[in-house]
């Protein structure tokens, strides 16, 4: 079968074959490392720039999804609003006493907070109402800590981004929010389930969202809902105000997605430059392994 004119060959033992194997393995490994580094560096930059905005947006989306679920329960009759009304108003969230929960016994209206002297609290409440709203600034140390992004943060960021860029970013209970018109339509349906023909919603309707099994109302959760929906000082919310609140979240959502996509487009251009240099070095490295004079080739350019 094999003779001088038809030799068996020595491809597997040839130096050229070994060189090609080294080149293939080296190119694959170098490209994998390059992709990991680029994905890590550019992804972390996105997390640093937009991670906090996305986190706040996800918290608001979670609140809206809970409101949507509450409206479904009201529609099915599994819960009735108004049983635990305590007449919440804006002044109930202005005090800085530090208490986190309040228990509302059945049939007894109580304000949020734990005070030994009610009159003293009301005087403080009047003063707080006359002051402009102000949020405590975050320390620079906390901001720096947030920039220590890990791979887990990057994966969570991408998963959250995939979740909000979908047809049901507020949850399926809320309805479709693929477009602004659909979002407004879904918001109106939720309001109509909650208002029960009164054309307004009292803020007490959202108490079940912050009440635990022991009947304690979480003050922080109620304040977050209040800040999100922005009812009147008396604690009432019209359909227009409710829809505007949801619409503001929708606009923040679409603006954030557009900003991330724009930033990703810029980083894609950087990646293209890195790719060109990367494959150029791989090409020259392959020629060097094959024994070519790479210096002369580069000098000719």
Protein backbone atom coordinates (compact mmCIF):
# COMPACT_ATOMS: atom_id res chain seq x y z
CA UNK A 1 0.00 0.00 0.00
CA UNK A 2 2.72 2.45 0.97
CA UNK A 3 5.81 2.78 -1.21
CA UNK A 4 8.29 5.42 -2.29
CA UNK A 5 5.78 7.09 -4.58
CA UNK A 6 2.97 6.84 -1.98
CA UNK A 7 4.58 7.35 1.43
CA UNK A 8 2.62 7.06 4.68
CA UNK A 9 3.58 10.62 5.55
CA UNK A 10 4.80 12.20 8.75
CA UNK A 11 2.29 15.03 9.21
CA UNK A 12 1.77 14.38 12.91
CA UNK A 13 5.51 14.43 13.56
CA UNK A 14 6.30 17.47 11.39
CA UNK A 15 7.36 20.79 12.91
CA UNK A 16 4.84 22.66 10.75
CA UNK A 17 1.97 20.66 12.22
CA UNK A 18 3.17 21.37 15.76
CA UNK A 19 3.51 25.06 14.94
CA UNK A 20 -0.04 25.20 13.57
CA UNK A 21 -1.35 23.48 16.71
CA UNK A 22 0.46 26.00 18.91
CA UNK A 23 -0.90 28.88 16.83
CA UNK A 24 -4.49 27.59 17.03
CA UNK A 25 -4.37 26.98 20.77
CA UNK A 26 -2.64 30.29 21.43
CA UNK A 27 -5.10 32.29 19.30
CA UNK A 28 -8.07 30.66 21.00
CA UNK A 29 -6.74 31.22 24.49
CA UNK A 30 -5.70 34.81 23.78
CA UNK A 31 -9.10 35.63 22.24
CA UNK A 32 -10.93 34.11 25.22
CA UNK A 33 -8.85 36.14 27.67
CA UNK A 34 -9.40 39.28 25.60
CA UNK A 35 -13.17 38.80 25.60
CA UNK A 36 -13.27 38.20 29.35
CA UNK A 37 -11.20 41.30 30.07
CA UNK A 38 -13.21 43.52 27.73
CA UNK A 39 -16.51 42.23 29.05
CA UNK A 40 -15.36 42.73 32.62
CA UNK A 41 -13.90 46.22 32.15
CA UNK A 42 -16.68 47.63 29.96
CA UNK A 43 -19.40 45.89 31.90
CA UNK A 44 -18.13 47.27 35.19
CA UNK A 45 -18.11 50.74 33.69
CA UNK A 46 -21.80 50.37 32.87
CA UNK A 47 -22.53 49.14 36.38
CA UNK A 48 -20.66 52.07 37.93
CA UNK A 49 -22.40 54.64 35.70
CA UNK A 50 -25.91 53.20 35.68
CA UNK A 51 -26.05 50.62 38.47
CA UNK A 52 -27.50 52.97 41.08
CA UNK A 53 -30.14 54.28 38.68
CA UNK A 54 -31.10 50.75 37.74
CA UNK A 55 -31.29 49.73 41.40
CA UNK A 56 -33.64 52.63 42.21
CA UNK A 57 -35.71 51.88 39.15
CA UNK A 58 -36.03 48.21 40.09
CA UNK A 59 -37.24 49.21 43.57
CA UNK A 60 -39.94 51.41 42.01
CA UNK A 61 -40.91 48.66 39.58
CA UNK A 62 -41.25 46.27 42.51
CA UNK A 63 -43.60 48.68 44.29
CA UNK A 64 -45.72 49.09 41.16
CA UNK A 65 -45.85 45.32 40.69
CA UNK A 66 -47.11 44.96 44.28
CA UNK A 67 -49.75 47.62 43.64
CA UNK A 68 -50.81 45.73 40.50
CA UNK A 69 -51.06 42.47 42.47
CA UNK A 70 -53.09 44.27 45.13
CA UNK A 71 -55.51 45.52 42.48
CA UNK A 72 -55.93 41.97 41.19
CA UNK A 73 -56.76 40.76 44.70
CA UNK A 74 -59.28 43.58 45.11
CA UNK A 75 -60.87 42.71 41.78
CA UNK A 76 -61.21 39.05 42.78
CA UNK A 77 -62.66 40.04 46.15
CA UNK A 78 -59.94 38.30 48.18
CA UNK A 79 -59.20 41.58 49.98
CA UNK A 80 -61.35 44.60 50.77
CA UNK A 81 -59.86 48.06 51.01
CA UNK A 82 -60.86 50.43 53.76
CA UNK A 83 -60.93 47.96 56.65
CA UNK A 84 -57.74 49.37 58.16
CA UNK A 85 -58.01 53.04 57.26
CA UNK A 86 -55.98 55.21 59.62
CA UNK A 87 -56.21 58.47 57.67
CA UNK A 88 -52.62 58.78 56.50
CA UNK A 89 -51.44 62.18 55.35
CA UNK A 90 -48.15 63.66 54.23
CA UNK A 91 -47.37 64.81 57.78
CA UNK A 92 -47.19 61.18 58.86
CA UNK A 93 -43.96 60.77 56.88
CA UNK A 94 -42.24 64.07 57.71
CA UNK A 95 -41.12 63.31 61.26
CA UNK A 96 -37.60 62.11 61.94
CA UNK A 97 -38.18 60.10 65.12
CA UNK A 98 -36.55 56.99 63.72
CA UNK A 99 -39.36 54.51 64.41
CA UNK A 100 -39.87 51.93 61.73
CA UNK A 101 -43.24 50.28 62.46
CA UNK A 102 -46.62 51.04 63.97
CA UNK A 103 -49.37 48.68 65.07
CA UNK A 104 -52.93 49.60 64.17
CA UNK A 105 -55.46 47.83 66.40
CA UNK A 106 -58.80 47.10 64.76
CA UNK A 107 -61.12 50.09 64.91
CA UNK A 108 -58.49 52.43 66.40
CA UNK A 109 -56.82 55.07 64.22
CA UNK A 110 -53.13 55.59 64.96
CA UNK A 111 -50.42 57.69 63.38
CA UNK A 112 -47.07 56.27 62.37
CA UNK A 113 -44.36 56.66 64.96
CA UNK A 114 -43.80 55.91 68.63
CA UNK A 115 -44.11 59.06 70.78
CA UNK A 116 -44.73 59.44 74.50
CA UNK A 117 -46.13 62.92 74.07
CA UNK A 118 -48.62 63.37 71.25
CA UNK A 119 -48.81 67.17 71.54
CA UNK A 120 -45.05 67.51 71.33
CA UNK A 121 -45.05 65.40 68.18
CA UNK A 122 -47.77 67.53 66.56
CA UNK A 123 -45.78 70.72 67.24
CA UNK A 124 -42.74 69.16 65.61
CA UNK A 125 -44.95 68.02 62.75
CA UNK A 126 -46.14 71.59 62.07
CA UNK A 127 -42.57 72.85 61.93
CA UNK A 128 -41.49 70.01 59.61
CA UNK A 129 -44.35 70.86 57.24
CA UNK A 130 -43.03 74.41 56.91
CA UNK A 131 -39.56 73.24 55.94
CA UNK A 132 -38.69 72.31 52.38
CA UNK A 133 -38.07 68.66 51.58
CA UNK A 134 -34.44 67.54 51.71
CA UNK A 135 -32.73 64.17 51.45
CA UNK A 136 -29.63 63.27 53.40
CA UNK A 137 -26.59 63.27 51.06
CA UNK A 138 -24.70 60.03 50.65
CA UNK A 139 -21.15 59.95 51.93
CA UNK A 140 -18.28 59.70 49.46
CA UNK A 141 -17.11 56.54 51.22
CA UNK A 142 -20.40 54.83 50.35
CA UNK A 143 -20.15 55.93 46.72
CA UNK A 144 -16.63 54.56 46.49
CA UNK A 145 -17.73 51.23 47.97
CA UNK A 146 -20.38 50.90 45.30
CA UNK A 147 -17.73 51.19 42.62
CA UNK A 148 -16.11 47.98 43.82
CA UNK A 149 -18.02 45.99 41.23
CA UNK A 150 -17.71 42.22 41.19
CA UNK A 151 -18.65 39.67 38.56
CA UNK A 152 -21.82 38.94 40.55
CA UNK A 153 -22.82 42.61 40.33
CA UNK A 154 -22.22 42.55 36.60
CA UNK A 155 -24.37 39.45 36.12
CA UNK A 156 -27.18 40.92 38.24
CA UNK A 157 -26.99 44.16 36.25
CA UNK A 158 -27.36 42.36 32.93
CA UNK A 159 -30.18 40.19 34.26
CA UNK A 160 -32.06 43.25 35.54
CA UNK A 161 -31.50 45.06 32.26
CA UNK A 162 -32.96 42.11 30.37
CA UNK A 163 -35.95 42.12 32.72
CA UNK A 164 -36.87 45.79 32.28
CA UNK A 165 -36.38 45.77 28.51
CA UNK A 166 -39.40 43.54 27.99
CA UNK A 167 -43.13 43.76 27.39
CA UNK A 168 -43.99 43.42 31.10
CA UNK A 169 -41.36 45.41 33.03
CA UNK A 170 -43.88 46.17 35.80
CA UNK A 171 -45.00 42.50 35.99
CA UNK A 172 -47.73 40.57 34.19
CA UNK A 173 -50.26 41.62 36.82
CA UNK A 174 -49.73 45.23 35.74
CA UNK A 175 -50.15 44.51 32.06
CA UNK A 176 -48.24 45.39 28.94
CA UNK A 177 -45.91 48.41 28.99
CA UNK A 178 -44.22 47.87 25.66
CA UNK A 179 -45.18 51.38 24.62
CA UNK A 180 -46.17 54.50 26.53
CA UNK A 181 -49.78 54.21 25.37
CA UNK A 182 -50.04 50.64 26.66
CA UNK A 183 -48.44 51.67 29.95
CA UNK A 184 -51.00 54.46 30.42
CA UNK A 185 -53.83 52.08 29.58
CA UNK A 186 -52.61 49.50 32.09
CA UNK A 187 -52.21 52.20 34.76
CA UNK A 188 -55.80 53.32 34.31
CA UNK A 189 -57.07 49.76 34.69
CA UNK A 190 -55.19 49.34 37.98
CA UNK A 191 -56.55 52.62 39.30
CA UNK A 192 -60.11 51.65 38.36
CA UNK A 193 -59.75 48.38 40.27
CA UNK A 194 -58.58 50.22 43.37
CA UNK A 195 -60.78 53.31 43.43
CA UNK A 196 -64.10 51.44 43.48
CA UNK A 197 -66.10 54.19 41.79
CA UNK A 198 -64.95 57.04 44.05
CA UNK A 199 -62.69 58.61 41.36
CA UNK A 200 -59.95 58.99 43.99
CA UNK A 201 -57.82 56.60 46.03
CA UNK A 202 -56.96 57.28 49.64
CA UNK A 203 -53.42 56.38 50.55
CA UNK A 204 -54.76 53.96 53.15
CA UNK A 205 -55.56 51.63 50.24
CA UNK A 206 -51.87 50.76 50.05
CA UNK A 207 -51.53 49.79 53.72
CA UNK A 208 -51.71 46.03 52.93
CA UNK A 209 -48.50 46.37 50.91
CA UNK A 210 -46.53 47.33 54.03
CA UNK A 211 -48.35 45.30 56.68
CA UNK A 212 -46.82 42.13 58.08
CA UNK A 213 -48.59 39.11 59.55
CA UNK A 214 -48.62 40.73 63.03
CA UNK A 215 -50.43 43.84 61.78
CA UNK A 216 -47.37 46.09 61.90
CA UNK A 217 -47.01 48.73 59.22
CA UNK A 218 -43.48 49.22 57.94
CA UNK A 219 -42.94 52.96 57.91
CA UNK A 220 -40.10 52.81 55.39
CA UNK A 221 -42.20 50.89 52.89
CA UNK A 222 -45.13 53.29 53.24
CA UNK A 223 -42.83 56.25 52.81
CA UNK A 224 -41.36 54.69 49.65
CA UNK A 225 -44.87 54.20 48.23
CA UNK A 226 -45.79 57.76 49.18
CA UNK A 227 -42.68 59.15 47.52
CA UNK A 228 -43.34 57.12 44.40
CA UNK A 229 -47.02 58.04 43.94
CA UNK A 230 -46.93 61.57 45.34
CA UNK A 231 -50.50 61.94 46.63
CA UNK A 232 -51.89 65.19 47.99
CA UNK A 233 -51.10 66.38 51.52
CA UNK A 234 -54.44 64.92 52.61
CA UNK A 235 -53.49 61.49 51.31
CA UNK A 236 -55.74 61.31 48.26
CA UNK A 237 -54.75 60.32 44.73
CA UNK A 238 -56.65 61.04 41.52
CA UNK A 239 -56.49 58.95 38.38
CA UNK A 240 -54.39 61.58 36.59
CA UNK A 241 -51.92 61.77 39.47
CA UNK A 242 -51.65 57.98 39.62
CA UNK A 243 -51.11 57.64 35.87
CA UNK A 244 -48.54 60.45 35.92
CA UNK A 245 -46.60 58.67 38.65
CA UNK A 246 -46.46 55.43 36.65
CA UNK A 247 -45.68 57.38 33.48
CA UNK A 248 -42.70 59.02 35.18
CA UNK A 249 -41.33 55.58 36.01
CA UNK A 250 -41.89 54.45 32.42
CA UNK A 251 -40.01 57.50 31.08
CA UNK A 252 -37.14 56.86 33.49
CA UNK A 253 -37.07 53.25 32.34
CA UNK A 254 -36.90 54.09 28.64
CA UNK A 255 -34.38 56.89 29.20
CA UNK A 256 -32.12 54.55 31.18
CA UNK A 257 -32.30 51.85 28.51
CA UNK A 258 -31.50 54.40 25.79
CA UNK A 259 -28.56 55.76 27.80
CA UNK A 260 -27.14 52.29 28.38
CA UNK A 261 -27.54 51.40 24.70
CA UNK A 262 -25.82 54.64 23.67
CA UNK A 263 -22.96 54.00 26.08
CA UNK A 264 -22.70 50.42 24.86
CA UNK A 265 -22.46 51.67 21.28
CA UNK A 266 -19.49 53.86 22.19
CA UNK A 267 -17.82 50.99 24.00
CA UNK A 268 -18.43 48.79 20.96
CA UNK A 269 -16.30 51.20 18.92
CA UNK A 270 -13.52 50.88 21.50
CA UNK A 271 -13.86 47.12 21.32
CA UNK A 272 -13.50 47.21 17.53
CA UNK A 273 -10.20 49.08 17.90
CA UNK A 274 -8.98 46.59 20.49
CA UNK A 275 -10.03 43.71 18.23
CA UNK A 276 -8.05 45.13 15.30
CA UNK A 277 -4.90 45.42 17.42
CA UNK A 278 -5.51 42.02 19.00
CA UNK A 279 -5.79 40.12 15.72
CA UNK A 280 -2.89 42.05 14.24
CA UNK A 281 -0.66 40.86 17.09
CA UNK A 282 -1.98 37.32 16.71
CA UNK A 283 -1.17 37.40 12.99
CA UNK A 284 2.38 38.62 13.63
CA UNK A 285 2.81 36.11 16.44
CA UNK A 286 1.70 33.30 14.15
CA UNK A 287 4.21 34.35 11.51
CA UNK A 288 6.94 34.44 14.14
CA UNK A 289 6.10 30.89 15.23
CA UNK A 290 6.28 29.74 11.61
CA UNK A 291 9.78 31.19 11.41
CA UNK A 292 9.08 34.29 9.35
CA UNK A 293 11.04 37.51 9.84
CA UNK A 294 8.38 39.60 11.55
CA UNK A 295 10.72 42.57 12.21
CA UNK A 296 11.39 43.04 8.55
CA UNK A 297 7.69 42.81 7.79
CA UNK A 298 6.81 45.43 10.40
CA UNK A 299 9.68 47.68 9.32
CA UNK A 300 8.41 47.61 5.75
CA UNK A 301 5.26 49.46 6.87
